[in-house]
Amino acid sequence: MSIREDLSRVSVRRSMILLASGALIGLAIAGYGLFTSKGSRSRGVPPEAVALVNQRLILRSDFMTQTQSEFSVPFAQATAEQRRKVLGDMINEELLMQRGLEMDLPSYDPEVRNALVAGVELEVTADVLAQKPTPEHLRAYYEQHKDKYSSEGTMRLRDLLVKTDGSVEARRELALQAVTALRKGESVDAVMKRFGLADSGRFMEAGHVNTDNIFQFAVRAKVSDALYNAILPLQGGQVSDPIVESDGVHLVVMVDRTLPVPQTFEEASDRVWKDVTNEALDKVRAANLAYLRSRAEIVVAPDNAAVPGETP
């Protein structure tokens, strides 16, 4: 049989091979067109973006903002070189960010974790921050919390400490004698010398007695609860009863005092606005965490202290 006669005969095997080859070539051409066509996800860049990095958009708005911020010029006036630099930096940043996610960096780097937490909180609270409380809302809040709003009180005081040896009772008795002498009008210096008292140093400046009034909140930060509670009722010229602390027996002389003065709504308006906003932010954060907890599976080790809301 000649080659010509063989080719003229119908061959099922040859037909199937040609058909399969044609199908594969067609698929290859279609695939190339799909993945290289303008506007496709893999090769084209959407109008709202300036670049794609592993299918993640670098938004045109972010690119313009960063260019203006970095070079302090309107975007239209930025040079081609400046734009190239910014785009290169943004691509590098995106690549590093993606690599960090591949490495699971947020799971063990505290700074990355903190940044992610802050970013999520900012996203959650954006609506609250964008809203402005009405004057009526602010005034109603002020009326409900009037006791919070007053001027800062000031104090000038001496915190004296019994420095002689002996039992606590003996030192307390000596402190009582010093208190009696002070309340009779004897000077602080004379009483300190006669009863062996020393300044505790809490309210001294550079080793010298502070002759200036200090804010009440600053006093609160320097002393224990027991000592502050003994100080709080004192007026100018008054002396506290002896207070036993871990470092010895104290007595406090209130040299001068300016009491806090209640503020009007107008005087406290900035603080009221801040408090209203913070309260709204706290509610949104709490609601978001409650939602996230409701979706999560949280298991606490039985040998650790129980966490509210979780069962070991």
Protein backbone atom coordinates (compact mmCIF):
# COMPACT_ATOMS: atom_id res chain seq x y z
CA MET A 1 0.00 0.00 0.00
CA SER A 2 1.34 3.44 -0.93
CA ILE A 3 1.75 6.33 1.52
CA ARG A 4 -0.88 8.32 -0.41
CA GLU A 5 -3.46 5.51 -0.08
CA ASP A 6 -2.61 5.17 3.66
CA LEU A 7 -3.24 8.85 4.33
CA SER A 8 -6.56 8.77 2.50
CA ARG A 9 -7.89 6.08 4.80
CA VAL A 10 -9.81 7.18 7.88
CA SER A 11 -7.77 6.52 11.05
CA VAL A 12 -9.60 6.81 14.35
CA ARG A 13 -6.32 6.99 16.30
CA ARG A 14 -4.96 9.78 14.11
CA SER A 15 -8.20 11.71 14.37
CA MET A 16 -8.21 11.52 18.17
CA ILE A 17 -4.61 12.72 18.36
CA LEU A 18 -5.33 15.70 16.10
CA LEU A 19 -8.49 16.54 17.99
CA ALA A 20 -6.71 16.46 21.38
CA SER A 21 -3.83 18.53 20.04
CA GLY A 22 -6.22 21.15 18.71
CA ALA A 23 -8.04 21.30 22.03
CA LEU A 24 -4.79 21.76 23.96
CA ILE A 25 -3.61 24.51 21.63
CA GLY A 26 -6.97 26.24 21.95
CA LEU A 27 -6.86 26.09 25.74
CA ALA A 28 -3.33 27.46 25.75
CA ILE A 29 -4.31 30.39 23.55
CA ALA A 30 -7.42 31.09 25.63
CA GLY A 31 -5.45 30.89 28.87
CA TYR A 32 -2.80 33.26 27.60
CA GLY A 33 -5.46 35.72 26.51
CA LEU A 34 -7.25 35.44 29.84
CA PHE A 35 -4.19 36.03 32.00
CA THR A 36 -2.63 38.76 29.86
CA SER A 37 -5.73 40.72 28.86
CA LYS A 38 -6.01 44.30 30.00
CA GLY A 39 -7.75 44.63 33.37
CA SER A 40 -7.34 40.97 34.32
CA ARG A 41 -6.63 40.14 37.95
CA SER A 42 -3.29 38.54 37.27
CA ARG A 43 -1.70 40.98 34.80
CA GLY A 44 -3.77 44.14 34.57
CA VAL A 45 -3.92 46.87 37.20
CA PRO A 46 -7.40 48.13 38.19
CA PRO A 47 -8.04 51.86 37.73
CA GLU A 48 -8.06 52.51 41.50
CA ALA A 49 -4.53 51.08 41.91
CA VAL A 50 -1.02 51.94 40.71
CA ALA A 51 0.44 48.47 41.14
CA LEU A 52 -0.30 44.87 42.06
CA VAL A 53 2.09 42.97 44.31
CA ASN A 54 1.19 39.29 44.44
CA GLN A 55 -2.40 40.24 43.64
CA ARG A 56 -2.55 42.85 46.42
CA LEU A 57 -3.41 46.40 45.39
CA ILE A 58 -1.34 49.49 46.03
CA LEU A 59 -4.08 52.08 45.90
CA ARG A 60 -3.66 55.18 43.78
CA SER A 61 -5.04 57.36 46.59
CA ASP A 62 -2.41 56.02 49.02
CA PHE A 63 0.31 56.58 46.43
CA MET A 64 -0.76 60.20 45.92
CA THR A 65 -1.01 60.85 49.65
CA GLN A 66 2.41 59.37 50.37
CA THR A 67 4.02 61.33 47.53
CA GLN A 68 2.58 64.60 48.80
CA SER A 69 3.54 63.79 52.39
CA GLU A 70 7.10 62.73 51.58
CA PHE A 71 8.01 65.64 49.30
CA SER A 72 5.64 68.34 50.64
CA VAL A 73 4.37 69.23 47.17
CA PRO A 74 1.00 68.75 45.45
CA PHE A 75 0.95 65.43 43.60
CA ALA A 76 0.56 67.14 40.23
CA GLN A 77 3.87 68.94 40.82
CA ALA A 78 5.83 65.84 41.85
CA THR A 79 8.52 64.83 39.37
CA ALA A 80 8.67 61.48 37.64
CA GLU A 81 11.74 60.61 39.71
CA GLN A 82 9.91 61.41 42.96
CA ARG A 83 6.94 59.31 41.93
CA ARG A 84 9.19 56.39 40.99
CA LYS A 85 10.89 56.57 44.38
CA VAL A 86 7.62 56.56 46.28
CA LEU A 87 6.18 53.70 44.24
CA GLY A 88 9.38 51.70 44.71
CA ASP A 89 9.25 52.27 48.45
CA MET A 90 5.60 51.22 48.61
CA ILE A 91 6.28 48.04 46.61
CA ASN A 92 9.21 47.20 48.90
CA GLU A 93 7.03 47.80 51.95
CA GLU A 94 4.30 45.56 50.57
CA LEU A 95 6.80 42.80 49.83
CA LEU A 96 8.24 42.99 53.35
CA MET A 97 4.75 43.02 54.87
CA GLN A 98 3.75 39.94 52.89
CA ARG A 99 6.98 38.21 53.89
CA GLY A 100 6.25 39.04 57.53
CA LEU A 101 2.85 37.38 57.23
CA GLU A 102 4.44 34.33 55.61
CA MET A 103 6.82 34.10 58.58
CA ASP A 104 3.87 34.51 60.97
CA LEU A 105 5.69 37.51 62.44
CA PRO A 106 2.63 38.80 64.38
CA SER A 107 2.62 35.64 66.50
CA TYR A 108 5.93 36.36 68.21
CA ASP A 109 6.96 39.99 67.63
CA PRO A 110 5.41 42.28 70.29
CA GLU A 111 5.74 45.43 68.17
CA VAL A 112 3.96 43.83 65.22
CA ARG A 113 1.23 42.48 67.51
CA ASN A 114 0.75 45.91 69.09
CA ALA A 115 0.55 47.56 65.68
CA LEU A 116 -2.05 45.03 64.51
CA VAL A 117 -4.12 45.48 67.67
CA ALA A 118 -3.95 49.26 67.30
CA GLY A 119 -4.93 49.01 63.65
CA VAL A 120 -7.94 46.80 64.37
CA GLU A 121 -9.06 49.07 67.21
CA LEU A 122 -8.73 52.11 64.97
CA GLU A 123 -10.85 50.40 62.33
CA VAL A 124 -13.50 49.46 64.91
CA THR A 125 -13.61 52.91 66.51
CA ALA A 126 -13.36 55.00 63.33
CA ASP A 127 -17.10 55.76 63.28
CA VAL A 128 -17.08 56.92 66.90
CA LEU A 129 -14.09 59.19 66.30
CA ALA A 130 -15.77 60.67 63.24
CA GLN A 131 -18.96 61.55 65.10
CA LYS A 132 -19.37 64.76 67.07
CA PRO A 133 -21.54 64.68 70.20
CA THR A 134 -24.31 67.26 70.17
CA PRO A 135 -24.27 70.13 72.70
CA GLU A 136 -27.39 68.62 74.29
CA HIS A 137 -25.67 65.27 74.73
CA LEU A 138 -22.59 66.91 76.25
CA ARG A 139 -24.63 68.98 78.71
CA ALA A 140 -26.70 65.97 79.75
CA TYR A 141 -23.50 64.02 80.44
CA TYR A 142 -22.10 66.94 82.45
CA GLU A 143 -25.24 67.13 84.60
CA GLN A 144 -25.02 63.40 85.34
CA HIS A 145 -21.34 63.58 86.32
CA LYS A 146 -20.96 67.03 87.85
CA ASP A 147 -18.82 65.75 90.70
CA LYS A 148 -16.07 64.84 88.22
CA TYR A 149 -15.55 68.38 87.01
CA SER A 150 -13.63 70.76 89.21
CA SER A 151 -10.39 72.70 89.16
CA GLU A 152 -7.26 70.97 90.39
CA GLY A 153 -6.66 71.48 94.09
CA THR A 154 -3.15 72.29 95.32
CA MET A 155 -1.25 71.49 98.52
CA ARG A 156 1.96 72.59 100.24
CA LEU A 157 2.83 70.11 102.94
CA ARG A 158 5.56 68.49 105.01
CA ASP A 159 5.66 64.73 105.47
CA LEU A 160 7.61 64.10 108.69
CA LEU A 161 8.96 60.75 109.85
CA VAL A 162 9.96 59.62 113.34
CA LYS A 163 13.55 58.46 112.90
CA THR A 164 14.40 57.32 116.45
CA ASP A 165 14.83 53.62 117.17
CA GLY A 166 12.39 51.63 119.29
CA SER A 167 9.11 49.81 118.90
CA VAL A 168 6.32 51.04 116.70
CA GLU A 169 4.33 51.99 119.79
CA ALA A 170 7.24 54.01 121.18
CA ARG A 171 7.66 55.86 117.91
CA ARG A 172 3.93 56.42 117.66
CA GLU A 173 3.91 57.91 121.15
CA LEU A 174 6.74 60.24 120.18
CA ALA A 175 4.84 61.25 117.04
CA LEU A 176 1.75 62.03 119.16
CA GLN A 177 3.82 64.38 121.31
CA ALA A 178 5.15 66.08 118.17
CA VAL A 179 1.61 66.47 116.82
CA THR A 180 0.49 68.08 120.09
CA ALA A 181 3.38 70.55 119.96
CA LEU A 182 2.66 71.46 116.33
CA ARG A 183 -1.05 71.96 117.02
CA LYS A 184 -0.09 74.33 119.86
CA GLY A 185 1.77 76.49 117.36
CA GLU A 186 5.37 75.36 117.74
CA SER A 187 7.32 75.71 114.49
CA VAL A 188 8.00 72.70 112.29
CA ASP A 189 11.77 73.10 112.53
CA ALA A 190 11.69 73.31 116.32
CA VAL A 191 9.47 70.23 116.64
CA MET A 192 11.66 68.26 114.23
CA LYS A 193 14.74 69.06 116.31
CA ARG A 194 13.10 68.38 119.68
CA PHE A 195 11.49 65.04 118.78
CA GLY A 196 14.04 63.72 116.31
CA LEU A 197 11.88 63.94 113.18
CA ALA A 198 13.10 63.88 109.60
CA ASP A 199 11.51 64.92 106.33
CA SER A 200 10.47 61.82 104.39
CA GLY A 201 11.77 63.43 101.19
CA ARG A 202 8.59 62.74 99.21
CA PHE A 203 7.83 66.43 98.72
CA MET A 204 11.34 67.86 98.57
CA GLU A 205 13.01 69.36 95.52
CA ALA A 206 16.73 68.67 94.98
CA GLY A 207 17.18 67.92 98.67
CA HIS A 208 15.45 71.10 99.84
CA VAL A 209 12.01 71.71 101.31
CA ASN A 210 9.53 72.50 98.54
CA THR A 211 8.01 75.93 99.17
CA ASP A 212 5.65 75.75 96.18
CA ASN A 213 2.14 74.33 96.13
CA ILE A 214 1.81 71.11 94.14
CA PHE A 215 -1.27 69.69 92.48
CA GLN A 216 -3.40 67.33 94.51
CA PHE A 217 -3.11 64.55 91.92
CA ALA A 218 0.69 64.77 92.24
CA VAL A 219 0.41 64.30 96.00
CA ARG A 220 -1.80 61.28 95.38
CA ALA A 221 0.84 59.73 93.15
CA LYS A 222 3.56 60.01 95.81
CA VAL A 223 1.88 58.43 98.84
CA SER A 224 0.04 55.28 99.89
CA ASP A 225 -3.74 55.05 100.18
CA ALA A 226 -3.60 55.25 103.99
CA LEU A 227 -1.40 58.33 103.97
CA TYR A 228 -3.47 60.06 101.29
CA ASN A 229 -6.68 59.40 103.21
CA ALA A 230 -5.09 61.05 106.25
CA ILE A 231 -3.96 64.02 104.14
CA LEU A 232 -7.21 64.62 102.27
CA PRO A 233 -9.27 66.15 105.11
CA LEU A 234 -6.51 68.56 106.20
CA GLN A 235 -6.87 72.30 105.69
CA GLY A 236 -4.05 74.83 105.69
CA GLY A 237 -2.29 74.92 109.10
CA GLN A 238 -3.63 71.54 110.26
CA VAL A 239 -1.60 68.47 111.30
CA SER A 240 -2.58 64.84 110.80
CA ASP A 241 -2.65 62.16 113.45
CA PRO A 242 0.32 59.73 113.33
CA ILE A 243 0.13 57.24 110.44
CA VAL A 244 2.03 53.95 110.70
CA GLU A 245 3.62 52.92 107.39
CA SER A 246 6.12 50.22 106.51
CA ASP A 247 8.99 52.74 106.64
CA GLY A 248 8.00 54.19 110.03
CA VAL A 249 5.51 56.54 111.69
CA HIS A 250 4.48 59.62 109.68
CA LEU A 251 2.77 62.87 110.52
CA VAL A 252 1.77 65.40 107.87
CA VAL A 253 1.73 69.17 108.27
CA MET A 254 -0.54 70.92 105.73
CA VAL A 255 1.22 74.28 105.30
CA ASP A 256 -1.18 75.63 102.68
CA ARG A 257 -4.11 74.27 100.68
CA THR A 258 -6.32 75.36 97.79
CA LEU A 259 -9.43 73.23 97.51
CA PRO A 260 -10.81 72.12 94.14
CA VAL A 261 -13.55 74.43 92.80
CA PRO A 262 -16.50 72.98 90.84
CA GLN A 263 -16.40 73.93 87.16
CA THR A 264 -19.28 75.19 85.07
CA PHE A 265 -20.27 73.35 81.91
CA GLU A 266 -18.50 75.97 79.81
CA GLU A 267 -15.28 75.60 81.83
CA ALA A 268 -15.37 71.81 81.69
CA SER A 269 -16.64 71.45 78.10
CA ASP A 270 -13.35 70.12 76.70
CA ARG A 271 -13.08 67.48 79.43
CA VAL A 272 -16.76 66.56 78.99
CA TRP A 273 -16.27 66.07 75.24
CA LYS A 274 -13.23 63.87 75.88
CA ASP A 275 -15.05 61.79 78.51
CA VAL A 276 -18.10 61.29 76.29
CA THR A 277 -15.91 60.18 73.40
CA ASN A 278 -13.84 57.84 75.57
CA GLU A 279 -16.98 56.27 77.04
CA ALA A 280 -18.35 55.65 73.54
CA LEU A 281 -15.00 54.16 72.46
CA ASP A 282 -14.96 51.84 75.47
CA LYS A 283 -18.45 50.58 74.62
CA VAL A 284 -17.51 49.91 70.99
CA ARG A 285 -14.31 48.10 72.01
CA ALA A 286 -16.20 45.98 74.55
CA ALA A 287 -18.90 45.08 72.01
CA ASN A 288 -16.28 44.15 69.41
CA LEU A 289 -14.38 41.94 71.86
CA ALA A 290 -17.62 40.30 72.98
CA TYR A 291 -18.43 39.51 69.33
CA LEU A 292 -14.94 38.13 68.66
CA ARG A 293 -15.08 36.00 71.82
CA SER A 294 -18.47 34.63 70.80
CA ARG A 295 -16.92 33.33 67.56
CA ALA A 296 -13.71 32.04 69.09
CA GLU A 297 -12.81 28.78 70.76
CA ILE A 298 -10.81 29.70 73.87
CA VAL A 299 -9.33 27.03 76.11
CA VAL A 300 -7.52 28.02 79.29
CA ALA A 301 -5.06 25.65 80.95
CA PRO A 302 -6.51 24.31 84.24
CA ASP A 303 -3.31 25.17 86.15
CA ASN A 304 -3.69 28.89 85.42
CA ALA A 305 -5.92 31.41 87.10
CA ALA A 306 -9.39 31.40 85.61
CA VAL A 307 -10.09 34.08 83.02
CA PRO A 308 -13.55 35.68 83.24
CA GLY A 309 -15.78 34.26 80.58
CA GLU A 310 -13.71 31.12 79.93
CA THR A 311 -13.95 27.68 81.43
CA PRO A 312 -10.72 25.67 81.79
